[in-house]
Amino acid sequence: MRQRAIRNLTNLDTTRASVTRILDAAAGGKNHFEVDSDAVRRYDEAVPVTGSAARAVLRYLTRVVSHLAGAGIDQFLIIGSGVPSALPPGHQLHDVARDASAASDVRVVYVENDPMVLANAHVTIERVHDLVRVVEGDVRQIEEMLTDEVVARFLDWERPVGVLLLSTHSLSDDELASFVIKRLRHAVVDGSYLALLQTTFDGIPTELLPAINDLLAMTLPGHVIRSRAEVAALMDGLELLDPGLVWVPLWRPDGLDCACADQPSSSGNYGAVARLP
């Protein structure tokens, strides 16, 4: 495990920001570098809500996992930035799933491609949690991800799975995103769920968009932004749980998203959960 963590860190580029580490920095975590903190400061100068937006995203993910575990889902596939250090020990998504479930053997597989997240999670999570695995993978190679030995065997694909797709921003076009969602739908059995998270600029004032777009191009080239209509199209035909596709603070709020409660669009992200198929 230690060797695997070291191997991951050798692939780490500390000169370029990553969306995973930016989320971590903005939410108050420790798994990031100066380049990521600098990116957060730049976004805050343009639209001073970065920290509250990041925390709103993490609260959304926590509520989704808690709801699905409470509804009987006892195995999760979390694709993307699901293990930021801003979620404290004992309150990470696998902890939330375990605490909210009636089952004693909740299984969680995280799929990540950021070397820092991988290295940290292998050491701090896999070492102490027998029912949690962290897999190196990329949703853009969906077939390789689903046929990974851990993904294929650690989860029981004959029973419902809660899938959290948190990295749609890395899917470069809607055709690829639609294919990934369709592939995930076909991979799971009836009674499974698919949760989605997508960054948007819908809530940003028009006059600020040129500067924000320029900043995005400099800090996170290739990061895909989608409008609500575009996200809705990706989920067309799916049975969405109430309240449907909404700003993340509005998805079954629990009163803890105070920073974004009055202006949910400041979260900068849409979320939705669908029951499959």
C-alpha atoms as a PDB file:
ATOM      1  CA  MET A   1       0.000   0.000   0.000  1.00  0.00           C
ATOM      2  CA  ARG A   2       2.857   2.355   0.864  1.00  0.00           C
ATOM      3  CA  GLN A   3       4.559   1.583  -2.453  1.00  0.00           C
ATOM      4  CA  ARG A   4       1.342   2.315  -4.316  1.00  0.00           C
ATOM      5  CA  ALA A   5       0.987   5.682  -2.553  1.00  0.00           C
ATOM      6  CA  ILE A   6       4.570   6.597  -3.417  1.00  0.00           C
ATOM      7  CA  ARG A   7       4.018   5.602  -7.052  1.00  0.00           C
ATOM      8  CA  ASN A   8       0.965   7.850  -7.239  1.00  0.00           C
ATOM      9  CA  LEU A   9       2.887  10.796  -5.817  1.00  0.00           C
ATOM     10  CA  THR A  10       5.589  10.464  -8.473  1.00  0.00           C
ATOM     11  CA  ASN A  11       2.907  11.400 -11.032  1.00  0.00           C
ATOM     12  CA  LEU A  12       1.977  14.549  -9.131  1.00  0.00           C
ATOM     13  CA  ASP A  13       2.359  17.900 -10.913  1.00  0.00           C
ATOM     14  CA  THR A  14       2.556  20.614  -8.256  1.00  0.00           C
ATOM     15  CA  THR A  15       2.735  23.416 -10.833  1.00  0.00           C
ATOM     16  CA  ARG A  16      -0.817  22.980 -12.127  1.00  0.00           C
ATOM     17  CA  ALA A  17      -4.040  23.260 -10.183  1.00  0.00           C
ATOM     18  CA  SER A  18      -6.582  20.454 -10.126  1.00  0.00           C
ATOM     19  CA  VAL A  19     -10.306  20.728  -9.536  1.00  0.00           C
ATOM     20  CA  THR A  20     -10.116  18.160  -6.733  1.00  0.00           C
ATOM     21  CA  ARG A  21      -7.468  20.099  -4.835  1.00  0.00           C
ATOM     22  CA  ILE A  22      -9.174  23.452  -5.528  1.00  0.00           C
ATOM     23  CA  LEU A  23     -12.362  22.067  -3.969  1.00  0.00           C
ATOM     24  CA  ASP A  24     -10.331  20.871  -1.013  1.00  0.00           C
ATOM     25  CA  ALA A  25      -8.588  24.235  -0.574  1.00  0.00           C
ATOM     26  CA  ALA A  26     -11.812  26.219  -0.917  1.00  0.00           C
ATOM     27  CA  ALA A  27     -13.609  24.057   1.650  1.00  0.00           C
ATOM     28  CA  GLY A  28     -10.782  24.385   4.183  1.00  0.00           C
ATOM     29  CA  GLY A  29      -8.965  21.094   3.652  1.00  0.00           C
ATOM     30  CA  LYS A  30      -5.226  20.396   3.661  1.00  0.00           C
ATOM     31  CA  ASN A  31      -4.662  18.257   0.562  1.00  0.00           C
ATOM     32  CA  HIS A  32      -3.632  20.954  -1.894  1.00  0.00           C
ATOM     33  CA  PHE A  33      -0.707  23.070  -3.001  1.00  0.00           C
ATOM     34  CA  GLU A  34       0.009  26.759  -3.317  1.00  0.00           C
ATOM     35  CA  VAL A  35      -1.085  26.720  -6.953  1.00  0.00           C
ATOM     36  CA  ASP A  36      -4.522  25.484  -5.833  1.00  0.00           C
ATOM     37  CA  SER A  37      -4.791  28.090  -3.064  1.00  0.00           C
ATOM     38  CA  ASP A  38      -3.806  30.763  -5.575  1.00  0.00           C
ATOM     39  CA  ALA A  39      -6.594  29.614  -7.875  1.00  0.00           C
ATOM     40  CA  VAL A  40      -9.102  29.846  -5.020  1.00  0.00           C
ATOM     41  CA  ARG A  41      -7.936  33.397  -4.254  1.00  0.00           C
ATOM     42  CA  ARG A  42      -8.347  34.398  -7.891  1.00  0.00           C
ATOM     43  CA  TYR A  43     -11.876  32.994  -8.054  1.00  0.00           C
ATOM     44  CA  ASP A  44     -12.737  34.715  -4.782  1.00  0.00           C
ATOM     45  CA  GLU A  45     -11.533  38.034  -6.155  1.00  0.00           C
ATOM     46  CA  ALA A  46     -13.849  37.609  -9.124  1.00  0.00           C
ATOM     47  CA  VAL A  47     -16.840  36.043  -7.330  1.00  0.00           C
ATOM     48  CA  PRO A  48     -16.315  36.006  -3.538  1.00  0.00           C
ATOM     49  CA  VAL A  49     -18.310  32.862  -2.745  1.00  0.00           C
ATOM     50  CA  THR A  50     -15.787  30.117  -3.509  1.00  0.00           C
ATOM     51  CA  GLY A  51     -15.504  28.814   0.050  1.00  0.00           C
ATOM     52  CA  SER A  52     -19.228  28.668   0.723  1.00  0.00           C
ATOM     53  CA  ALA A  53     -19.812  27.079  -2.692  1.00  0.00           C
ATOM     54  CA  ALA A  54     -17.288  24.318  -1.962  1.00  0.00           C
ATOM     55  CA  ARG A  55     -18.858  23.618   1.419  1.00  0.00           C
ATOM     56  CA  ALA A  56     -22.311  23.512  -0.186  1.00  0.00           C
ATOM     57  CA  VAL A  57     -21.057  20.842  -2.596  1.00  0.00           C
ATOM     58  CA  LEU A  58     -19.716  18.719   0.248  1.00  0.00           C
ATOM     59  CA  ARG A  59     -22.958  19.084   2.192  1.00  0.00           C
ATOM     60  CA  TYR A  60     -24.902  17.991  -0.897  1.00  0.00           C
ATOM     61  CA  LEU A  61     -22.773  14.870  -1.271  1.00  0.00           C
ATOM     62  CA  THR A  62     -23.231  14.087   2.416  1.00  0.00           C
ATOM     63  CA  ARG A  63     -27.016  14.414   2.145  1.00  0.00           C
ATOM     64  CA  VAL A  64     -27.159  12.258  -0.975  1.00  0.00           C
ATOM     65  CA  VAL A  65     -25.170   9.434   0.599  1.00  0.00           C
ATOM     66  CA  SER A  66     -27.139   9.659   3.838  1.00  0.00           C
ATOM     67  CA  HIS A  67     -30.452   9.531   1.977  1.00  0.00           C
ATOM     68  CA  LEU A  68     -29.491   6.583  -0.210  1.00  0.00           C
ATOM     69  CA  ALA A  69     -28.052   4.624   2.698  1.00  0.00           C
ATOM     70  CA  GLY A  70     -31.212   5.286   4.668  1.00  0.00           C
ATOM     71  CA  ALA A  71     -33.221   4.023   1.694  1.00  0.00           C
ATOM     72  CA  GLY A  72     -31.425   0.681   1.805  1.00  0.00           C
ATOM     73  CA  ILE A  73     -28.400   1.163  -0.448  1.00  0.00           C
ATOM     74  CA  ASP A  74     -25.433  -0.564   1.192  1.00  0.00           C
ATOM     75  CA  GLN A  75     -22.816  -0.256  -1.552  1.00  0.00           C
ATOM     76  CA  PHE A  76     -21.553   2.852  -3.293  1.00  0.00           C
ATOM     77  CA  LEU A  77     -19.380   3.688  -6.283  1.00  0.00           C
ATOM     78  CA  ILE A  78     -18.165   7.282  -5.918  1.00  0.00           C
ATOM     79  CA  ILE A  79     -16.520   8.611  -9.080  1.00  0.00           C
ATOM     80  CA  GLY A  80     -14.545  11.814  -8.696  1.00  0.00           C
ATOM     81  CA  SER A  81     -13.612  14.060  -5.789  1.00  0.00           C
ATOM     82  CA  GLY A  82     -15.372  12.155  -3.024  1.00  0.00           C
ATOM     83  CA  VAL A  83     -12.607  12.165  -0.403  1.00  0.00           C
ATOM     84  CA  PRO A  84     -11.558  15.793   0.222  1.00  0.00           C
ATOM     85  CA  SER A  85      -9.722  16.387   3.486  1.00  0.00           C
ATOM     86  CA  ALA A  86     -12.222  19.138   4.299  1.00  0.00           C
ATOM     87  CA  LEU A  87     -14.547  16.314   5.356  1.00  0.00           C
ATOM     88  CA  PRO A  88     -13.150  15.541   8.818  1.00  0.00           C
ATOM     89  CA  PRO A  89     -12.298  12.043  10.063  1.00  0.00           C
ATOM     90  CA  GLY A  90     -15.451  10.212  10.992  1.00  0.00           C
ATOM     91  CA  HIS A  91     -17.559  12.316   8.634  1.00  0.00           C
ATOM     92  CA  GLN A  92     -16.298  11.268   5.218  1.00  0.00           C
ATOM     93  CA  LEU A  93     -18.758   9.794   2.757  1.00  0.00           C
ATOM     94  CA  HIS A  94     -18.056   6.171   3.699  1.00  0.00           C
ATOM     95  CA  ASP A  95     -18.644   7.105   7.363  1.00  0.00           C
ATOM     96  CA  VAL A  96     -21.914   8.824   6.456  1.00  0.00           C
ATOM     97  CA  ALA A  97     -23.044   5.748   4.516  1.00  0.00           C
ATOM     98  CA  ARG A  98     -22.228   3.420   7.393  1.00  0.00           C
ATOM     99  CA  ASP A  99     -23.903   5.614   9.996  1.00  0.00           C
ATOM    100  CA  ALA A 100     -27.102   6.076   7.960  1.00  0.00           C
ATOM    101  CA  SER A 101     -27.466   2.438   6.929  1.00  0.00           C
ATOM    102  CA  ALA A 102     -29.219  -0.353   8.757  1.00  0.00           C
ATOM    103  CA  ALA A 103     -26.628  -2.737   7.307  1.00  0.00           C
ATOM    104  CA  SER A 104     -23.398  -3.501   9.129  1.00  0.00           C
ATOM    105  CA  ASP A 105     -21.305  -4.151   6.026  1.00  0.00           C
ATOM    106  CA  VAL A 106     -21.676  -1.060   3.816  1.00  0.00           C
ATOM    107  CA  ARG A 107     -19.115  -1.116   1.021  1.00  0.00           C
ATOM    108  CA  VAL A 108     -17.709   1.966  -0.711  1.00  0.00           C
ATOM    109  CA  VAL A 109     -15.392   2.205  -3.706  1.00  0.00           C
ATOM    110  CA  TYR A 110     -13.893   5.584  -4.553  1.00  0.00           C
ATOM    111  CA  VAL A 111     -12.536   6.124  -8.064  1.00  0.00           C
ATOM    112  CA  GLU A 112      -9.984   8.940  -8.251  1.00  0.00           C
ATOM    113  CA  ASN A 113      -7.327  10.177 -10.670  1.00  0.00           C
ATOM    114  CA  ASP A 114      -5.625  12.868  -8.593  1.00  0.00           C
ATOM    115  CA  PRO A 115      -2.307  11.475  -7.249  1.00  0.00           C
ATOM    116  CA  MET A 116      -2.477  13.389  -3.958  1.00  0.00           C
ATOM    117  CA  VAL A 117      -6.009  12.196  -3.218  1.00  0.00           C
ATOM    118  CA  LEU A 118      -5.049   8.637  -4.118  1.00  0.00           C
ATOM    119  CA  ALA A 119      -1.928   8.573  -1.992  1.00  0.00           C
ATOM    120  CA  ASN A 120      -3.647  10.115   1.029  1.00  0.00           C
ATOM    121  CA  ALA A 121      -6.721   7.895   0.752  1.00  0.00           C
ATOM    122  CA  HIS A 122      -4.724   4.679   0.411  1.00  0.00           C
ATOM    123  CA  VAL A 123      -2.861   5.469   3.616  1.00  0.00           C
ATOM    124  CA  THR A 124      -5.577   7.059   5.754  1.00  0.00           C
ATOM    125  CA  ILE A 125      -8.712   5.231   4.579  1.00  0.00           C
ATOM    126  CA  GLU A 126      -7.920   1.784   3.172  1.00  0.00           C
ATOM    127  CA  ARG A 127      -5.538   1.044   6.015  1.00  0.00           C
ATOM    128  CA  VAL A 128      -8.268   1.437   8.648  1.00  0.00           C
ATOM    129  CA  HIS A 129     -11.461   0.530   6.770  1.00  0.00           C
ATOM    130  CA  ASP A 130     -11.828  -3.042   5.503  1.00  0.00           C
ATOM    131  CA  LEU A 131     -14.985  -2.203   3.553  1.00  0.00           C
ATOM    132  CA  VAL A 132     -13.612   0.820   1.675  1.00  0.00           C
ATOM    133  CA  ARG A 133     -11.436   0.725  -1.436  1.00  0.00           C
ATOM    134  CA  VAL A 134      -9.785   3.520  -3.417  1.00  0.00           C
ATOM    135  CA  VAL A 135      -9.160   2.820  -7.098  1.00  0.00           C
ATOM    136  CA  GLU A 136      -7.082   4.760  -9.581  1.00  0.00           C
ATOM    137  CA  GLY A 137      -9.313   5.472 -12.560  1.00  0.00           C
ATOM    138  CA  ASP A 138     -10.815   8.035 -14.877  1.00  0.00           C
ATOM    139  CA  VAL A 139     -14.460   8.264 -15.907  1.00  0.00           C
ATOM    140  CA  ARG A 140     -13.300   9.136 -19.416  1.00  0.00           C
ATOM    141  CA  GLN A 141     -12.149   5.518 -19.641  1.00  0.00           C
ATOM    142  CA  ILE A 142     -15.442   4.149 -18.382  1.00  0.00           C
ATOM    143  CA  GLU A 143     -14.922   0.596 -19.648  1.00  0.00           C
ATOM    144  CA  GLU A 144     -11.538   0.294 -17.944  1.00  0.00           C
ATOM    145  CA  MET A 145     -13.035   1.726 -14.768  1.00  0.00           C
ATOM    146  CA  LEU A 146     -15.938  -0.729 -14.631  1.00  0.00           C
ATOM    147  CA  THR A 147     -13.730  -3.729 -15.431  1.00  0.00           C
ATOM    148  CA  ASP A 148     -11.127  -2.829 -12.806  1.00  0.00           C
ATOM    149  CA  GLU A 149     -10.677  -5.871 -10.584  1.00  0.00           C
ATOM    150  CA  VAL A 150     -11.638  -4.049  -7.386  1.00  0.00           C
ATOM    151  CA  VAL A 151     -14.643  -2.290  -8.906  1.00  0.00           C
ATOM    152  CA  ALA A 152     -15.874  -5.496 -10.527  1.00  0.00           C
ATOM    153  CA  ARG A 153     -15.392  -7.809  -7.531  1.00  0.00           C
ATOM    154  CA  PHE A 154     -15.545  -5.727  -4.365  1.00  0.00           C
ATOM    155  CA  LEU A 155     -19.093  -4.598  -5.162  1.00  0.00           C
ATOM    156  CA  ASP A 156     -21.941  -7.032  -5.785  1.00  0.00           C
ATOM    157  CA  TRP A 157     -23.351  -5.948  -9.147  1.00  0.00           C
ATOM    158  CA  GLU A 158     -26.319  -8.292  -8.747  1.00  0.00           C
ATOM    159  CA  ARG A 159     -27.660  -5.956  -6.061  1.00  0.00           C
ATOM    160  CA  PRO A 160     -28.472  -2.199  -6.168  1.00  0.00           C
ATOM    161  CA  VAL A 161     -25.577   0.258  -6.115  1.00  0.00           C
ATOM    162  CA  GLY A 162     -25.550   3.965  -5.342  1.00  0.00           C
ATOM    163  CA  VAL A 163     -23.405   5.635  -8.021  1.00  0.00           C
ATOM    164  CA  LEU A 164     -22.192   9.203  -7.474  1.00  0.00           C
ATOM    165  CA  LEU A 165     -20.858  10.736 -10.693  1.00  0.00           C
ATOM    166  CA  LEU A 166     -18.990  13.814  -9.469  1.00  0.00           C
ATOM    167  CA  SER A 167     -16.690  14.412 -12.435  1.00  0.00           C
ATOM    168  CA  THR A 168     -18.964  15.301 -15.343  1.00  0.00           C
ATOM    169  CA  HIS A 169     -16.794  18.418 -15.675  1.00  0.00           C
ATOM    170  CA  SER A 170     -14.082  16.180 -17.141  1.00  0.00           C
ATOM    171  CA  LEU A 171     -16.342  14.821 -19.893  1.00  0.00           C
ATOM    172  CA  SER A 172     -15.420  17.016 -22.827  1.00  0.00           C
ATOM    173  CA  ASP A 173     -18.674  16.880 -24.771  1.00  0.00           C
ATOM    174  CA  ASP A 174     -22.300  15.960 -24.213  1.00  0.00           C
ATOM    175  CA  GLU A 175     -22.052  12.873 -26.397  1.00  0.00           C
ATOM    176  CA  LEU A 176     -19.341  11.409 -24.158  1.00  0.00           C
ATOM    177  CA  ALA A 177     -21.213  12.429 -21.014  1.00  0.00           C
ATOM    178  CA  SER A 178     -24.403  10.795 -22.304  1.00  0.00           C
ATOM    179  CA  PHE A 179     -22.481   7.622 -23.123  1.00  0.00           C
ATOM    180  CA  VAL A 180     -20.961   7.467 -19.634  1.00  0.00           C
ATOM    181  CA  ILE A 181     -24.356   7.893 -17.990  1.00  0.00           C
ATOM    182  CA  LYS A 182     -25.894   5.279 -20.276  1.00  0.00           C
ATOM    183  CA  ARG A 183     -23.041   2.858 -19.539  1.00  0.00           C
ATOM    184  CA  LEU A 184     -23.482   3.321 -15.797  1.00  0.00           C
ATOM    185  CA  ARG A 185     -27.231   2.771 -16.139  1.00  0.00           C
ATOM    186  CA  HIS A 186     -26.635  -0.542 -17.897  1.00  0.00           C
ATOM    187  CA  ALA A 187     -23.996  -1.632 -15.376  1.00  0.00           C
ATOM    188  CA  VAL A 188     -26.369  -1.626 -12.396  1.00  0.00           C
ATOM    189  CA  VAL A 189     -29.537  -3.524 -11.532  1.00  0.00           C
ATOM    190  CA  ASP A 190     -33.016  -2.176 -10.910  1.00  0.00           C
ATOM    191  CA  GLY A 191     -33.302  -0.216  -7.683  1.00  0.00           C
ATOM    192  CA  SER A 192     -29.900   1.436  -8.053  1.00  0.00           C
ATOM    193  CA  TYR A 193     -29.385   5.192  -8.004  1.00  0.00           C
ATOM    194  CA  LEU A 194     -27.291   7.690  -9.941  1.00  0.00           C
ATOM    195  CA  ALA A 195     -26.375  11.039  -8.380  1.00  0.00           C
ATOM    196  CA  LEU A 196     -24.924  13.810 -10.515  1.00  0.00           C
ATOM    197  CA  LEU A 197     -22.904  16.942  -9.771  1.00  0.00           C
ATOM    198  CA  GLN A 198     -22.201  19.553 -12.440  1.00  0.00           C
ATOM    199  CA  THR A 199     -20.482  22.936 -12.352  1.00  0.00           C
ATOM    200  CA  THR A 200     -22.359  25.796 -14.002  1.00  0.00           C
ATOM    201  CA  PHE A 201     -21.989  29.509 -14.638  1.00  0.00           C
ATOM    202  CA  ASP A 202     -25.769  30.053 -14.718  1.00  0.00           C
ATOM    203  CA  GLY A 203     -25.702  32.050 -11.493  1.00  0.00           C
ATOM    204  CA  ILE A 204     -22.833  34.361 -12.438  1.00  0.00           C
ATOM    205  CA  PRO A 205     -23.773  37.917 -13.482  1.00  0.00           C
ATOM    206  CA  THR A 206     -23.357  38.437 -17.210  1.00  0.00           C
ATOM    207  CA  GLU A 207     -20.821  41.225 -16.793  1.00  0.00           C
ATOM    208  CA  LEU A 208     -18.492  38.885 -14.847  1.00  0.00           C
ATOM    209  CA  LEU A 209     -18.594  35.985 -17.299  1.00  0.00           C
ATOM    210  CA  PRO A 210     -15.686  37.079 -19.555  1.00  0.00           C
ATOM    211  CA  ALA A 211     -13.316  37.365 -16.597  1.00  0.00           C
ATOM    212  CA  ILE A 212     -14.503  34.057 -15.076  1.00  0.00           C
ATOM    213  CA  ASN A 213     -14.135  32.244 -18.393  1.00  0.00           C
ATOM    214  CA  ASP A 214     -10.611  33.599 -18.797  1.00  0.00           C
ATOM    215  CA  LEU A 215      -9.752  32.512 -15.259  1.00  0.00           C
ATOM    216  CA  LEU A 216     -11.146  29.035 -15.865  1.00  0.00           C
ATOM    217  CA  ALA A 217      -9.078  28.694 -19.036  1.00  0.00           C
ATOM    218  CA  MET A 218      -5.927  29.622 -17.112  1.00  0.00           C
ATOM    219  CA  THR A 219      -6.471  27.522 -14.005  1.00  0.00           C
ATOM    220  CA  LEU A 220      -8.497  24.514 -15.183  1.00  0.00           C
ATOM    221  CA  PRO A 221      -8.230  24.113 -18.960  1.00  0.00           C
ATOM    222  CA  GLY A 222     -10.649  21.470 -20.177  1.00  0.00           C
ATOM    223  CA  HIS A 223     -13.039  21.899 -17.248  1.00  0.00           C
ATOM    224  CA  VAL A 224     -16.521  21.650 -18.764  1.00  0.00           C
ATOM    225  CA  ILE A 225     -19.270  24.039 -17.669  1.00  0.00           C
ATOM    226  CA  ARG A 226     -22.896  23.228 -18.448  1.00  0.00           C
ATOM    227  CA  SER A 227     -26.165  25.130 -18.257  1.00  0.00           C
ATOM    228  CA  ARG A 228     -29.205  23.728 -16.508  1.00  0.00           C
ATOM    229  CA  ALA A 229     -30.749  22.815 -19.860  1.00  0.00           C
ATOM    230  CA  GLU A 230     -27.620  20.886 -20.818  1.00  0.00           C
ATOM    231  CA  VAL A 231     -27.566  18.989 -17.526  1.00  0.00           C
ATOM    232  CA  ALA A 232     -31.284  18.231 -17.842  1.00  0.00           C
ATOM    233  CA  ALA A 233     -30.641  16.801 -21.308  1.00  0.00           C
ATOM    234  CA  LEU A 234     -28.023  14.432 -19.878  1.00  0.00           C
ATOM    235  CA  MET A 235     -30.598  13.099 -17.412  1.00  0.00           C
ATOM    236  CA  ASP A 236     -33.469  12.960 -19.864  1.00  0.00           C
ATOM    237  CA  GLY A 237     -35.574   9.859 -19.352  1.00  0.00           C
ATOM    238  CA  LEU A 238     -34.360   9.215 -15.816  1.00  0.00           C
ATOM    239  CA  GLU A 239     -36.698   9.097 -12.833  1.00  0.00           C
ATOM    240  CA  LEU A 240     -35.435  11.962 -10.661  1.00  0.00           C
ATOM    241  CA  LEU A 241     -36.086  11.989  -6.954  1.00  0.00           C
ATOM    242  CA  ASP A 242     -37.711  15.126  -5.575  1.00  0.00           C
ATOM    243  CA  PRO A 243     -36.831  17.957  -5.836  1.00  0.00           C
ATOM    244  CA  GLY A 244     -35.358  17.099  -9.244  1.00  0.00           C
ATOM    245  CA  LEU A 245     -32.461  18.982 -10.809  1.00  0.00           C
ATOM    246  CA  VAL A 246     -31.666  21.928  -8.534  1.00  0.00           C
ATOM    247  CA  TRP A 247     -28.873  24.055  -7.109  1.00  0.00           C
ATOM    248  CA  VAL A 248     -27.075  21.786  -4.644  1.00  0.00           C
ATOM    249  CA  PRO A 249     -28.159  23.649  -1.462  1.00  0.00           C
ATOM    250  CA  LEU A 250     -31.786  23.009  -2.503  1.00  0.00           C
ATOM    251  CA  TRP A 251     -31.453  19.235  -2.740  1.00  0.00           C
ATOM    252  CA  ARG A 252     -33.230  18.077   0.419  1.00  0.00           C
ATOM    253  CA  PRO A 253     -31.672  20.787   2.648  1.00  0.00           C
ATOM    254  CA  ASP A 254     -31.036  19.994   6.278  1.00  0.00           C
ATOM    255  CA  GLY A 255     -30.558  23.534   7.576  1.00  0.00           C
ATOM    256  CA  LEU A 256     -26.756  23.379   7.593  1.00  0.00           C
ATOM    257  CA  ASP A 257     -26.162  25.162   4.273  1.00  0.00           C
ATOM    258  CA  CYS A 258     -26.590  28.618   5.753  1.00  0.00           C
ATOM    259  CA  ALA A 259     -23.950  30.308   3.601  1.00  0.00           C
ATOM    260  CA  CYS A 260     -25.778  29.517   0.359  1.00  0.00           C
ATOM    261  CA  ALA A 261     -29.341  29.263   1.665  1.00  0.00           C
ATOM    262  CA  ASP A 262     -30.369  32.780   0.676  1.00  0.00           C
ATOM    263  CA  GLN A 263     -28.713  32.615  -2.738  1.00  0.00           C
ATOM    264  CA  PRO A 264     -28.429  28.947  -3.768  1.00  0.00           C
ATOM    265  CA  SER A 265     -27.122  29.875  -7.231  1.00  0.00           C
ATOM    266  CA  SER A 266     -23.912  31.033  -5.545  1.00  0.00           C
ATOM    267  CA  SER A 267     -23.074  27.347  -5.033  1.00  0.00           C
ATOM    268  CA  GLY A 268     -22.195  27.200  -8.729  1.00  0.00           C
ATOM    269  CA  ASN A 269     -23.337  23.588  -9.020  1.00  0.00           C
ATOM    270  CA  TYR A 270     -26.427  21.650  -9.978  1.00  0.00           C
ATOM    271  CA  GLY A 271     -27.286  18.332  -8.418  1.00  0.00           C
ATOM    272  CA  ALA A 272     -29.826  15.578  -8.991  1.00  0.00           C
ATOM    273  CA  VAL A 273     -30.416  11.982  -7.985  1.00  0.00           C
ATOM    274  CA  ALA A 274     -32.145   9.461 -10.243  1.00  0.00           C
ATOM    275  CA  ARG A 275     -33.551   6.062  -9.472  1.00  0.00           C
ATOM    276  CA  LEU A 276     -32.441   3.511 -12.061  1.00  0.00           C
ATOM    277  CA  PRO A 277     -33.142   2.173 -14.543  1.00  0.00           C
END
